Amino acid sequence: MSDPDQTGQKADAPLTPEALAILGKARRSFAISIGILLLGFMAIGFALVYRAMRDTPPPTVAENVVLPAGAEVVSALVSDGAINVTYTVNGVTTLALFDQATGELTREVVLGAR
């Protein structure tokens, strides 16, 4: 019969010291590469958590602003720390700029009459 192990050694034979040294070296190399991989994943995780925690909350926006009686709102927009409201009263179109945080009127521009 032929030997199932082509090297001529039995499968249960102990490994030679050279083979044990090579196996130990391979295990150390594998452990080092897995350790570096895990450190990389941890660094990515820490970076994601840091980015999520350092972002500031969105700025506060005033809950209401005061317009003249009978004003018909044409448009409203929040931009650059201001609330821009375009409204029409008695055929006169006006752009009012309000402070975004407090809702106080900061400027009013008359755009024209209809």
PDB file of N, CA and C in Angstrom:
ATOM      1  N   MET A   1       0.824  -1.180   0.000  1.00  0.00           N
ATOM      2  CA  MET A   1       0.000   0.000   0.000  1.00  0.00           C
ATOM      3  C   MET A   1       0.868   1.244   0.000  1.00  0.00           C
ATOM      4  N   SER A   2       0.286   2.303  -0.480  1.00  0.00           N
ATOM      5  CA  SER A   2       1.039   3.553  -0.523  1.00  0.00           C
ATOM      6  C   SER A   2       0.780   4.351   0.743  1.00  0.00           C
ATOM      7  N   ASP A   3       1.735   5.175   1.080  1.00  0.00           N
ATOM      8  CA  ASP A   3       1.653   6.014   2.282  1.00  0.00           C
ATOM      9  C   ASP A   3       0.746   7.210   1.992  1.00  0.00           C
ATOM     10  N   PRO A   4      -0.321   7.440   2.806  1.00  0.00           N
ATOM     11  CA  PRO A   4      -1.185   8.593   2.535  1.00  0.00           C
ATOM     12  C   PRO A   4      -0.453   9.919   2.716  1.00  0.00           C
ATOM     13  N   ASP A   5       0.557   9.930   3.564  1.00  0.00           N
ATOM     14  CA  ASP A   5       1.347  11.131   3.763  1.00  0.00           C
ATOM     15  C   ASP A   5       2.519  11.063   2.797  1.00  0.00           C
ATOM     16  N   GLN A   6       2.573  11.982   1.832  1.00  0.00           N
ATOM     17  CA  GLN A   6       3.568  11.906   0.768  1.00  0.00           C
ATOM     18  C   GLN A   6       4.984  12.208   1.255  1.00  0.00           C
ATOM     19  N   THR A   7       5.123  12.801   2.433  1.00  0.00           N
ATOM     20  CA  THR A   7       6.456  13.143   2.909  1.00  0.00           C
ATOM     21  C   THR A   7       7.165  11.950   3.514  1.00  0.00           C
ATOM     22  N   GLY A   8       6.459  10.911   3.788  1.00  0.00           N
ATOM     23  CA  GLY A   8       7.072   9.735   4.378  1.00  0.00           C
ATOM     24  C   GLY A   8       7.012   9.744   5.886  1.00  0.00           C
ATOM     25  N   GLN A   9       6.472  10.779   6.507  1.00  0.00           N
ATOM     26  CA  GLN A   9       6.348  10.840   7.950  1.00  0.00           C
ATOM     27  C   GLN A   9       4.930  10.466   8.344  1.00  0.00           C
ATOM     28  N   LYS A  10       4.800   9.931   9.526  1.00  0.00           N
ATOM     29  CA  LYS A  10       3.473   9.623  10.036  1.00  0.00           C
ATOM     30  C   LYS A  10       2.800  10.918  10.473  1.00  0.00           C
ATOM     31  N   ALA A  11       1.469  10.953  10.414  1.00  0.00           N
ATOM     32  CA  ALA A  11       0.727  12.154  10.760  1.00  0.00           C
ATOM     33  C   ALA A  11       0.840  12.471  12.246  1.00  0.00           C
ATOM     34  N   ASP A  12       1.041  11.496  13.094  1.00  0.00           N
ATOM     35  CA  ASP A  12       1.111  11.706  14.529  1.00  0.00           C
ATOM     36  C   ASP A  12       2.525  11.995  15.017  1.00  0.00           C
ATOM     37  N   ALA A  13       3.473  12.056  14.128  1.00  0.00           N
ATOM     38  CA  ALA A  13       4.859  12.274  14.526  1.00  0.00           C
ATOM     39  C   ALA A  13       5.028  13.702  15.040  1.00  0.00           C
ATOM     40  N   PRO A  14       5.834  13.897  16.093  1.00  0.00           N
ATOM     41  CA  PRO A  14       6.059  15.242  16.618  1.00  0.00           C
ATOM     42  C   PRO A  14       6.820  16.093  15.595  1.00  0.00           C
ATOM     43  N   LEU A  15       6.596  17.391  15.671  1.00  0.00           N
ATOM     44  CA  LEU A  15       7.250  18.312  14.745  1.00  0.00           C
ATOM     45  C   LEU A  15       8.699  18.527  15.154  1.00  0.00           C
ATOM     46  N   THR A  16       9.488  18.822  14.163  1.00  0.00           N
ATOM     47  CA  THR A  16      10.909  19.072  14.417  1.00  0.00           C
ATOM     48  C   THR A  16      11.054  20.459  15.050  1.00  0.00           C
ATOM     49  N   PRO A  17      12.143  20.750  15.708  1.00  0.00           N
ATOM     50  CA  PRO A  17      12.357  22.076  16.312  1.00  0.00           C
ATOM     51  C   PRO A  17      12.295  23.203  15.275  1.00  0.00           C
ATOM     52  N   GLU A  18      12.771  22.937  14.057  1.00  0.00           N
ATOM     53  CA  GLU A  18      12.717  23.965  13.009  1.00  0.00           C
ATOM     54  C   GLU A  18      11.257  24.266  12.635  1.00  0.00           C
ATOM     55  N   ALA A  19      10.433  23.230  12.529  1.00  0.00           N
ATOM     56  CA  ALA A  19       9.017  23.416  12.189  1.00  0.00           C
ATOM     57  C   ALA A  19       8.292  24.154  13.314  1.00  0.00           C
ATOM     58  N   LEU A  20       8.626  23.826  14.557  1.00  0.00           N
ATOM     59  CA  LEU A  20       8.027  24.528  15.694  1.00  0.00           C
ATOM     60  C   LEU A  20       8.418  26.006  15.690  1.00  0.00           C
ATOM     61  N   ALA A  21       9.658  26.297  15.335  1.00  0.00           N
ATOM     62  CA  ALA A  21      10.117  27.687  15.274  1.00  0.00           C
ATOM     63  C   ALA A  21       9.374  28.451  14.180  1.00  0.00           C
ATOM     64  N   ILE A  22       9.182  27.824  13.027  1.00  0.00           N
ATOM     65  CA  ILE A  22       8.453  28.468  11.929  1.00  0.00           C
ATOM     66  C   ILE A  22       7.001  28.707  12.317  1.00  0.00           C
ATOM     67  N   LEU A  23       6.383  27.727  12.969  1.00  0.00           N
ATOM     68  CA  LEU A  23       4.997  27.890  13.431  1.00  0.00           C
ATOM     69  C   LEU A  23       4.896  29.025  14.453  1.00  0.00           C
ATOM     70  N   GLY A  24       5.814  29.121  15.360  1.00  0.00           N
ATOM     71  CA  GLY A  24       5.814  30.199  16.344  1.00  0.00           C
ATOM     72  C   GLY A  24       5.972  31.558  15.687  1.00  0.00           C
ATOM     73  N   LYS A  25       6.863  31.629  14.697  1.00  0.00           N
ATOM     74  CA  LYS A  25       7.070  32.878  13.974  1.00  0.00           C
ATOM     75  C   LYS A  25       5.802  33.282  13.206  1.00  0.00           C
ATOM     76  N   ALA A  26       5.141  32.315  12.589  1.00  0.00           N
ATOM     77  CA  ALA A  26       3.903  32.594  11.854  1.00  0.00           C
ATOM     78  C   ALA A  26       2.813  33.067  12.816  1.00  0.00           C
ATOM     79  N   ARG A  27       2.719  32.460  13.977  1.00  0.00           N
ATOM     80  CA  ARG A  27       1.707  32.866  14.964  1.00  0.00           C
ATOM     81  C   ARG A  27       1.968  34.299  15.451  1.00  0.00           C
ATOM     82  N   ARG A  28       3.233  34.628  15.721  1.00  0.00           N
ATOM     83  CA  ARG A  28       3.569  35.982  16.154  1.00  0.00           C
ATOM     84  C   ARG A  28       3.250  36.999  15.061  1.00  0.00           C
ATOM     85  N   SER A  29       3.578  36.669  13.837  1.00  0.00           N
ATOM     86  CA  SER A  29       3.293  37.556  12.716  1.00  0.00           C
ATOM     87  C   SER A  29       1.780  37.773  12.575  1.00  0.00           C
ATOM     88  N   PHE A  30       1.005  36.698  12.697  1.00  0.00           N
ATOM     89  CA  PHE A  30      -0.457  36.799  12.621  1.00  0.00           C
ATOM     90  C   PHE A  30      -0.991  37.651  13.766  1.00  0.00           C
ATOM     91  N   ALA A  31      -0.481  37.448  14.977  1.00  0.00           N
ATOM     92  CA  ALA A  31      -0.952  38.223  16.130  1.00  0.00           C
ATOM     93  C   ALA A  31      -0.641  39.711  15.956  1.00  0.00           C
ATOM     94  N   ILE A  32       0.541  40.017  15.441  1.00  0.00           N
ATOM     95  CA  ILE A  32       0.919  41.416  15.236  1.00  0.00           C
ATOM     96  C   ILE A  32       0.022  42.058  14.177  1.00  0.00           C
ATOM     97  N   SER A  33      -0.224  41.366  13.061  1.00  0.00           N
ATOM     98  CA  SER A  33      -1.062  41.951  12.009  1.00  0.00           C
ATOM     99  C   SER A  33      -2.502  42.116  12.476  1.00  0.00           C
ATOM    100  N   ILE A  34      -3.042  41.187  13.232  1.00  0.00           N
ATOM    101  CA  ILE A  34      -4.396  41.320  13.772  1.00  0.00           C
ATOM    102  C   ILE A  34      -4.445  42.469  14.788  1.00  0.00           C
ATOM    103  N   GLY A  35      -3.410  42.617  15.594  1.00  0.00           N
ATOM    104  CA  GLY A  35      -3.352  43.717  16.558  1.00  0.00           C
ATOM    105  C   GLY A  35      -3.364  45.068  15.859  1.00  0.00           C
ATOM    106  N   ILE A  36      -2.588  45.202  14.792  1.00  0.00           N
ATOM    107  CA  ILE A  36      -2.566  46.459  14.032  1.00  0.00           C
ATOM    108  C   ILE A  36      -3.928  46.718  13.396  1.00  0.00           C
ATOM    109  N   LEU A  37      -4.562  45.684  12.874  1.00  0.00           N
ATOM    110  CA  LEU A  37      -5.891  45.819  12.283  1.00  0.00           C
ATOM    111  C   LEU A  37      -6.902  46.284  13.326  1.00  0.00           C
ATOM    112  N   LEU A  38      -6.875  45.701  14.504  1.00  0.00           N
ATOM    113  CA  LEU A  38      -7.794  46.099  15.568  1.00  0.00           C
ATOM    114  C   LEU A  38      -7.535  47.534  16.027  1.00  0.00           C
ATOM    115  N   LEU A  39      -6.272  47.923  16.121  1.00  0.00           N
ATOM    116  CA  LEU A  39      -5.951  49.310  16.469  1.00  0.00           C
ATOM    117  C   LEU A  39      -6.496  50.287  15.430  1.00  0.00           C
ATOM    118  N   GLY A  40      -6.424  49.909  14.157  1.00  0.00           N
ATOM    119  CA  GLY A  40      -6.971  50.744  13.093  1.00  0.00           C
ATOM    120  C   GLY A  40      -8.475  50.899  13.223  1.00  0.00           C
ATOM    121  N   PHE A  41      -9.172  49.795  13.492  1.00  0.00           N
ATOM    122  CA  PHE A  41     -10.627  49.860  13.670  1.00  0.00           C
ATOM    123  C   PHE A  41     -10.990  50.703  14.891  1.00  0.00           C
ATOM    124  N   MET A  42     -10.209  50.574  15.964  1.00  0.00           N
ATOM    125  CA  MET A  42     -10.472  51.378  17.154  1.00  0.00           C
ATOM    126  C   MET A  42     -10.256  52.860  16.862  1.00  0.00           C
ATOM    127  N   ALA A  43      -9.230  53.192  16.097  1.00  0.00           N
ATOM    128  CA  ALA A  43      -8.966  54.591  15.748  1.00  0.00           C
ATOM    129  C   ALA A  43     -10.115  55.159  14.919  1.00  0.00           C
ATOM    130  N   ILE A  44     -10.638  54.381  13.986  1.00  0.00           N
ATOM    131  CA  ILE A  44     -11.775  54.832  13.183  1.00  0.00           C
ATOM    132  C   ILE A  44     -12.991  55.037  14.079  1.00  0.00           C
ATOM    133  N   GLY A  45     -13.238  54.102  14.989  1.00  0.00           N
ATOM    134  CA  GLY A  45     -14.368  54.231  15.920  1.00  0.00           C
ATOM    135  C   GLY A  45     -14.245  55.467  16.793  1.00  0.00           C
ATOM    136  N   PHE A  46     -13.060  55.724  17.336  1.00  0.00           N
ATOM    137  CA  PHE A  46     -12.844  56.915  18.159  1.00  0.00           C
ATOM    138  C   PHE A  46     -13.048  58.185  17.340  1.00  0.00           C
ATOM    139  N   ALA A  47     -12.573  58.186  16.086  1.00  0.00           N
ATOM    140  CA  ALA A  47     -12.748  59.366  15.237  1.00  0.00           C
ATOM    141  C   ALA A  47     -14.225  59.630  14.968  1.00  0.00           C
ATOM    142  N   LEU A  48     -15.000  58.588  14.718  1.00  0.00           N
ATOM    143  CA  LEU A  48     -16.431  58.775  14.471  1.00  0.00           C
ATOM    144  C   LEU A  48     -17.144  59.290  15.713  1.00  0.00           C
ATOM    145  N   VAL A  49     -16.813  58.746  16.869  1.00  0.00           N
ATOM    146  CA  VAL A  49     -17.436  59.207  18.115  1.00  0.00           C
ATOM    147  C   VAL A  49     -17.034  60.649  18.390  1.00  0.00           C
ATOM    148  N   TYR A  50     -15.783  61.001  18.165  1.00  0.00           N
ATOM    149  CA  TYR A  50     -15.318  62.370  18.381  1.00  0.00           C
ATOM    150  C   TYR A  50     -16.065  63.343  17.472  1.00  0.00           C
ATOM    151  N   ARG A  51     -16.211  62.986  16.197  1.00  0.00           N
ATOM    152  CA  ARG A  51     -16.920  63.862  15.260  1.00  0.00           C
ATOM    153  C   ARG A  51     -18.377  64.042  15.669  1.00  0.00           C
ATOM    154  N   ALA A  52     -18.999  62.971  16.144  1.00  0.00           N
ATOM    155  CA  ALA A  52     -20.410  63.055  16.547  1.00  0.00           C
ATOM    156  C   ALA A  52     -20.572  63.910  17.799  1.00  0.00           C
ATOM    157  N   MET A  53     -19.600  63.848  18.708  1.00  0.00           N
ATOM    158  CA  MET A  53     -19.717  64.579  19.965  1.00  0.00           C
ATOM    159  C   MET A  53     -19.308  66.043  19.854  1.00  0.00           C
ATOM    160  N   ARG A  54     -18.412  66.392  18.950  1.00  0.00           N
ATOM    161  CA  ARG A  54     -17.909  67.760  18.892  1.00  0.00           C
ATOM    162  C   ARG A  54     -18.798  68.693  18.094  1.00  0.00           C
ATOM    163  N   ASP A  55     -19.662  68.159  17.241  1.00  0.00           N
ATOM    164  CA  ASP A  55     -20.536  69.022  16.456  1.00  0.00           C
ATOM    165  C   ASP A  55     -21.472  69.776  17.377  1.00  0.00           C
ATOM    166  N   THR A  56     -21.573  71.052  17.146  1.00  0.00           N
ATOM    167  CA  THR A  56     -22.421  71.889  17.989  1.00  0.00           C
ATOM    168  C   THR A  56     -23.885  71.682  17.599  1.00  0.00           C
ATOM    169  N   PRO A  57     -24.768  71.873  18.543  1.00  0.00           N
ATOM    170  CA  PRO A  57     -26.191  71.745  18.209  1.00  0.00           C
ATOM    171  C   PRO A  57     -26.609  72.873  17.276  1.00  0.00           C
ATOM    172  N   PRO A  58     -27.690  72.675  16.560  1.00  0.00           N
ATOM    173  CA  PRO A  58     -28.126  73.738  15.640  1.00  0.00           C
ATOM    174  C   PRO A  58     -28.509  75.000  16.403  1.00  0.00           C
ATOM    175  N   PRO A  59     -28.360  76.157  15.777  1.00  0.00           N
ATOM    176  CA  PRO A  59     -28.688  77.411  16.465  1.00  0.00           C
ATOM    177  C   PRO A  59     -30.179  77.490  16.769  1.00  0.00           C
ATOM    178  N   THR A  60     -30.486  78.248  17.812  1.00  0.00           N
ATOM    179  CA  THR A  60     -31.887  78.409  18.185  1.00  0.00           C
ATOM    180  C   THR A  60     -32.577  79.344  17.202  1.00  0.00           C
ATOM    181  N   VAL A  61     -33.834  79.070  16.963  1.00  0.00           N
ATOM    182  CA  VAL A  61     -34.635  79.895  16.065  1.00  0.00           C
ATOM    183  C   VAL A  61     -35.824  80.408  16.864  1.00  0.00           C
ATOM    184  N   ALA A  62     -36.104  81.697  16.739  1.00  0.00           N
ATOM    185  CA  ALA A  62     -37.213  82.308  17.463  1.00  0.00           C
ATOM    186  C   ALA A  62     -38.523  81.598  17.106  1.00  0.00           C
ATOM    187  N   GLU A  63     -39.373  81.444  18.094  1.00  0.00           N
ATOM    188  CA  GLU A  63     -40.634  80.746  17.872  1.00  0.00           C
ATOM    189  C   GLU A  63     -41.658  81.619  17.166  1.00  0.00           C
ATOM    190  N   ASN A  64     -41.593  82.930  17.361  1.00  0.00           N
ATOM    191  CA  ASN A  64     -42.552  83.803  16.689  1.00  0.00           C
ATOM    192  C   ASN A  64     -41.931  85.177  16.450  1.00  0.00           C
ATOM    193  N   VAL A  65     -42.453  85.846  15.446  1.00  0.00           N
ATOM    194  CA  VAL A  65     -42.059  87.215  15.127  1.00  0.00           C
ATOM    195  C   VAL A  65     -43.346  88.039  14.997  1.00  0.00           C
ATOM    196  N   VAL A  66     -43.237  89.329  15.202  1.00  0.00           N
ATOM    197  CA  VAL A  66     -44.414  90.203  15.188  1.00  0.00           C
ATOM    198  C   VAL A  66     -44.470  90.947  13.858  1.00  0.00           C
ATOM    199  N   LEU A  67     -45.601  90.810  13.158  1.00  0.00           N
ATOM    200  CA  LEU A  67     -45.849  91.514  11.907  1.00  0.00           C
ATOM    201  C   LEU A  67     -47.022  92.472  12.112  1.00  0.00           C
ATOM    202  N   PRO A  68     -47.124  93.496  11.273  1.00  0.00           N
ATOM    203  CA  PRO A  68     -48.249  94.426  11.398  1.00  0.00           C
ATOM    204  C   PRO A  68     -49.584  93.709  11.179  1.00  0.00           C
ATOM    205  N   ALA A  69     -50.644  94.259  11.747  1.00  0.00           N
ATOM    206  CA  ALA A  69     -51.977  93.680  11.598  1.00  0.00           C
ATOM    207  C   ALA A  69     -52.385  93.700  10.132  1.00  0.00           C
ATOM    208  N   GLY A  70     -52.962  92.607   9.663  1.00  0.00           N
ATOM    209  CA  GLY A  70     -53.433  92.495   8.286  1.00  0.00           C
ATOM    210  C   GLY A  70     -52.345  92.173   7.284  1.00  0.00           C
ATOM    211  N   ALA A  71     -51.139  91.816   7.750  1.00  0.00           N
ATOM    212  CA  ALA A  71     -50.036  91.502   6.837  1.00  0.00           C
ATOM    213  C   ALA A  71     -50.253  90.122   6.224  1.00  0.00           C
ATOM    214  N   GLU A  72     -49.992  90.036   4.918  1.00  0.00           N
ATOM    215  CA  GLU A  72     -50.064  88.763   4.205  1.00  0.00           C
ATOM    216  C   GLU A  72     -48.634  88.331   3.890  1.00  0.00           C
ATOM    217  N   VAL A  73     -48.212  87.209   4.455  1.00  0.00           N
ATOM    218  CA  VAL A  73     -46.831  86.740   4.292  1.00  0.00           C
ATOM    219  C   VAL A  73     -46.652  86.183   2.885  1.00  0.00           C
ATOM    220  N   VAL A  74     -45.642  86.701   2.193  1.00  0.00           N
ATOM    221  CA  VAL A  74     -45.311  86.223   0.851  1.00  0.00           C
ATOM    222  C   VAL A  74     -44.287  85.105   0.942  1.00  0.00           C
ATOM    223  N   SER A  75     -43.253  85.313   1.759  1.00  0.00           N
ATOM    224  CA  SER A  75     -42.238  84.274   1.956  1.00  0.00           C
ATOM    225  C   SER A  75     -41.537  84.497   3.285  1.00  0.00           C
ATOM    226  N   ALA A  76     -40.948  83.419   3.778  1.00  0.00           N
ATOM    227  CA  ALA A  76     -40.155  83.480   5.010  1.00  0.00           C
ATOM    228  C   ALA A  76     -38.966  82.547   4.841  1.00  0.00           C
ATOM    229  N   LEU A  77     -37.800  83.005   5.311  1.00  0.00           N
ATOM    230  CA  LEU A  77     -36.573  82.254   5.114  1.00  0.00           C
ATOM    231  C   LEU A  77     -35.629  82.510   6.279  1.00  0.00           C
ATOM    232  N   VAL A  78     -34.973  81.463   6.743  1.00  0.00           N
ATOM    233  CA  VAL A  78     -33.943  81.606   7.775  1.00  0.00           C
ATOM    234  C   VAL A  78     -32.597  81.525   7.073  1.00  0.00           C
ATOM    235  N   SER A  79     -31.781  82.588   7.211  1.00  0.00           N
ATOM    236  CA  SER A  79     -30.508  82.635   6.510  1.00  0.00           C
ATOM    237  C   SER A  79     -29.524  83.524   7.258  1.00  0.00           C
ATOM    238  N   ASP A  80     -28.311  83.058   7.434  1.00  0.00           N
ATOM    239  CA  ASP A  80     -27.211  83.840   8.016  1.00  0.00           C
ATOM    240  C   ASP A  80     -27.575  84.498   9.340  1.00  0.00           C
ATOM    241  N   GLY A  81     -28.207  83.756  10.223  1.00  0.00           N
ATOM    242  CA  GLY A  81     -28.522  84.281  11.546  1.00  0.00           C
ATOM    243  C   GLY A  81     -29.693  85.239  11.568  1.00  0.00           C
ATOM    244  N   ALA A  82     -30.464  85.303  10.495  1.00  0.00           N
ATOM    245  CA  ALA A  82     -31.611  86.219  10.439  1.00  0.00           C
ATOM    246  C   ALA A  82     -32.815  85.487   9.857  1.00  0.00           C
ATOM    247  N   ILE A  83     -33.987  85.946  10.253  1.00  0.00           N
ATOM    248  CA  ILE A  83     -35.228  85.446   9.672  1.00  0.00           C
ATOM    249  C   ILE A  83     -35.708  86.524   8.713  1.00  0.00           C
ATOM    250  N   ASN A  84     -35.805  86.199   7.445  1.00  0.00           N
ATOM    251  CA  ASN A  84     -36.220  87.147   6.412  1.00  0.00           C
ATOM    252  C   ASN A  84     -37.687  86.866   6.083  1.00  0.00           C
ATOM    253  N   VAL A  85     -38.534  87.833   6.335  1.00  0.00           N
ATOM    254  CA  VAL A  85     -39.962  87.687   6.064  1.00  0.00           C
ATOM    255  C   VAL A  85     -40.374  88.776   5.084  1.00  0.00           C
ATOM    256  N   THR A  86     -40.948  88.342   3.970  1.00  0.00           N
ATOM    257  CA  THR A  86     -41.490  89.279   2.997  1.00  0.00           C
ATOM    258  C   THR A  86     -43.003  89.245   3.159  1.00  0.00           C
ATOM    259  N   TYR A  87     -43.589  90.430   3.351  1.00  0.00           N
ATOM    260  CA  TYR A  87     -45.042  90.478   3.548  1.00  0.00           C
ATOM    261  C   TYR A  87     -45.619  91.688   2.821  1.00  0.00           C
ATOM    262  N   THR A  88     -46.922  91.641   2.648  1.00  0.00           N
ATOM    263  CA  THR A  88     -47.627  92.723   1.962  1.00  0.00           C
ATOM    264  C   THR A  88     -48.722  93.262   2.872  1.00  0.00           C
ATOM    265  N   VAL A  89     -48.771  94.587   2.997  1.00  0.00           N
ATOM    266  CA  VAL A  89     -49.829  95.267   3.752  1.00  0.00           C
ATOM    267  C   VAL A  89     -50.333  96.418   2.885  1.00  0.00           C
ATOM    268  N   ASN A  90     -51.648  96.416   2.565  1.00  0.00           N
ATOM    269  CA  ASN A  90     -52.280  97.485   1.775  1.00  0.00           C
ATOM    270  C   ASN A  90     -51.550  97.738   0.456  1.00  0.00           C
ATOM    271  N   GLY A  91     -51.096  96.685  -0.205  1.00  0.00           N
ATOM    272  CA  GLY A  91     -50.431  96.809  -1.504  1.00  0.00           C
ATOM    273  C   GLY A  91     -48.972  97.173  -1.432  1.00  0.00           C
ATOM    274  N   VAL A  92     -48.411  97.352  -0.255  1.00  0.00           N
ATOM    275  CA  VAL A  92     -46.989  97.692  -0.106  1.00  0.00           C
ATOM    276  C   VAL A  92     -46.253  96.433   0.348  1.00  0.00           C
ATOM    277  N   THR A  93     -45.242  96.024  -0.418  1.00  0.00           N
ATOM    278  CA  THR A  93     -44.452  94.839  -0.086  1.00  0.00           C
ATOM    279  C   THR A  93     -43.233  95.266   0.715  1.00  0.00           C
ATOM    280  N   THR A  94     -43.005  94.565   1.821  1.00  0.00           N
ATOM    281  CA  THR A  94     -41.913  94.926   2.731  1.00  0.00           C
ATOM    282  C   THR A  94     -41.112  93.672   3.084  1.00  0.00           C
ATOM    283  N   LEU A  95     -39.804  93.845   3.174  1.00  0.00           N
ATOM    284  CA  LEU A  95     -38.910  92.782   3.651  1.00  0.00           C
ATOM    285  C   LEU A  95     -38.492  93.140   5.068  1.00  0.00           C
ATOM    286  N   ALA A  96     -38.794  92.267   6.014  1.00  0.00           N
ATOM    287  CA  ALA A  96     -38.423  92.495   7.412  1.00  0.00           C
ATOM    288  C   ALA A  96     -37.366  91.477   7.815  1.00  0.00           C
ATOM    289  N   LEU A  97     -36.312  91.961   8.446  1.00  0.00           N
ATOM    290  CA  LEU A  97     -35.228  91.096   8.921  1.00  0.00           C
ATOM    291  C   LEU A  97     -35.310  91.027  10.439  1.00  0.00           C
ATOM    292  N   PHE A  98     -35.444  89.806  10.962  1.00  0.00           N
ATOM    293  CA  PHE A  98     -35.544  89.580  12.397  1.00  0.00           C
ATOM    294  C   PHE A  98     -34.318  88.826  12.877  1.00  0.00           C
ATOM    295  N   ASP A  99     -33.911  89.092  14.119  1.00  0.00           N
ATOM    296  CA  ASP A  99     -32.814  88.343  14.733  1.00  0.00           C
ATOM    297  C   ASP A  99     -33.269  86.899  14.913  1.00  0.00           C
ATOM    298  N   GLN A 100     -32.423  85.962  14.516  1.00  0.00           N
ATOM    299  CA  GLN A 100     -32.796  84.543  14.545  1.00  0.00           C
ATOM    300  C   GLN A 100     -33.010  84.017  15.961  1.00  0.00           C
ATOM    301  N   ALA A 101     -32.230  84.452  16.914  1.00  0.00           N
ATOM    302  CA  ALA A 101     -32.323  83.914  18.274  1.00  0.00           C
ATOM    303  C   ALA A 101     -33.466  84.535  19.071  1.00  0.00           C
ATOM    304  N   THR A 102     -33.660  85.857  18.948  1.00  0.00           N
ATOM    305  CA  THR A 102     -34.631  86.528  19.800  1.00  0.00           C
ATOM    306  C   THR A 102     -35.945  86.840  19.097  1.00  0.00           C
ATOM    307  N   GLY A 103     -35.943  86.969  17.788  1.00  0.00           N
ATOM    308  CA  GLY A 103     -37.153  87.317  17.057  1.00  0.00           C
ATOM    309  C   GLY A 103     -37.416  88.805  17.000  1.00  0.00           C
ATOM    310  N   GLU A 104     -36.455  89.626  17.404  1.00  0.00           N
ATOM    311  CA  GLU A 104     -36.616  91.086  17.381  1.00  0.00           C
ATOM    312  C   GLU A 104     -36.369  91.620  15.970  1.00  0.00           C
ATOM    313  N   LEU A 105     -37.131  92.620  15.576  1.00  0.00           N
ATOM    314  CA  LEU A 105     -36.977  93.252  14.280  1.00  0.00           C
ATOM    315  C   LEU A 105     -35.661  94.028  14.251  1.00  0.00           C
ATOM    316  N   THR A 106     -34.797  93.729  13.274  1.00  0.00           N
ATOM    317  CA  THR A 106     -33.516  94.436  13.167  1.00  0.00           C
ATOM    318  C   THR A 106     -33.510  95.436  12.024  1.00  0.00           C
ATOM    319  N   ARG A 107     -34.262  95.133  10.960  1.00  0.00           N
ATOM    320  CA  ARG A 107     -34.276  96.027   9.805  1.00  0.00           C
ATOM    321  C   ARG A 107     -35.528  95.782   8.982  1.00  0.00           C
ATOM    322  N   GLU A 108     -36.006  96.817   8.348  1.00  0.00           N
ATOM    323  CA  GLU A 108     -37.184  96.695   7.513  1.00  0.00           C
ATOM    324  C   GLU A 108     -36.937  97.467   6.225  1.00  0.00           C
ATOM    325  N   VAL A 109     -37.180  96.823   5.087  1.00  0.00           N
ATOM    326  CA  VAL A 109     -36.932  97.429   3.775  1.00  0.00           C
ATOM    327  C   VAL A 109     -38.236  97.391   2.989  1.00  0.00           C
ATOM    328  N   VAL A 110     -38.689  98.557   2.530  1.00  0.00           N
ATOM    329  CA  VAL A 110     -39.896  98.617   1.698  1.00  0.00           C
ATOM    330  C   VAL A 110     -39.469  98.332   0.254  1.00  0.00           C
ATOM    331  N   LEU A 111     -40.089  97.311  -0.334  1.00  0.00           N
ATOM    332  CA  LEU A 111     -39.708  96.908  -1.697  1.00  0.00           C
ATOM    333  C   LEU A 111     -40.493  97.641  -2.757  1.00  0.00           C
ATOM    334  N   GLY A 112     -41.682  98.071  -2.456  1.00  0.00           N
ATOM    335  CA  GLY A 112     -42.449  98.838  -3.444  1.00  0.00           C
ATOM    336  C   GLY A 112     -43.935  98.620  -3.275  1.00  0.00           C
ATOM    337  N   ALA A 113     -44.681  99.408  -4.004  1.00  0.00           N
ATOM    338  CA  ALA A 113     -46.141  99.294  -3.949  1.00  0.00           C
ATOM    339  C   ALA A 113     -46.630  98.524  -5.167  1.00  0.00           C
ATOM    340  N   ARG A 114     -47.756  97.844  -5.019  1.00  0.00           N
ATOM    341  CA  ARG A 114     -48.334  97.097  -6.138  1.00  0.00           C
ATOM    342  C   ARG A 114     -49.150  97.970  -7.000  1.00  0.00           C
TER     343      ARG A 114
END
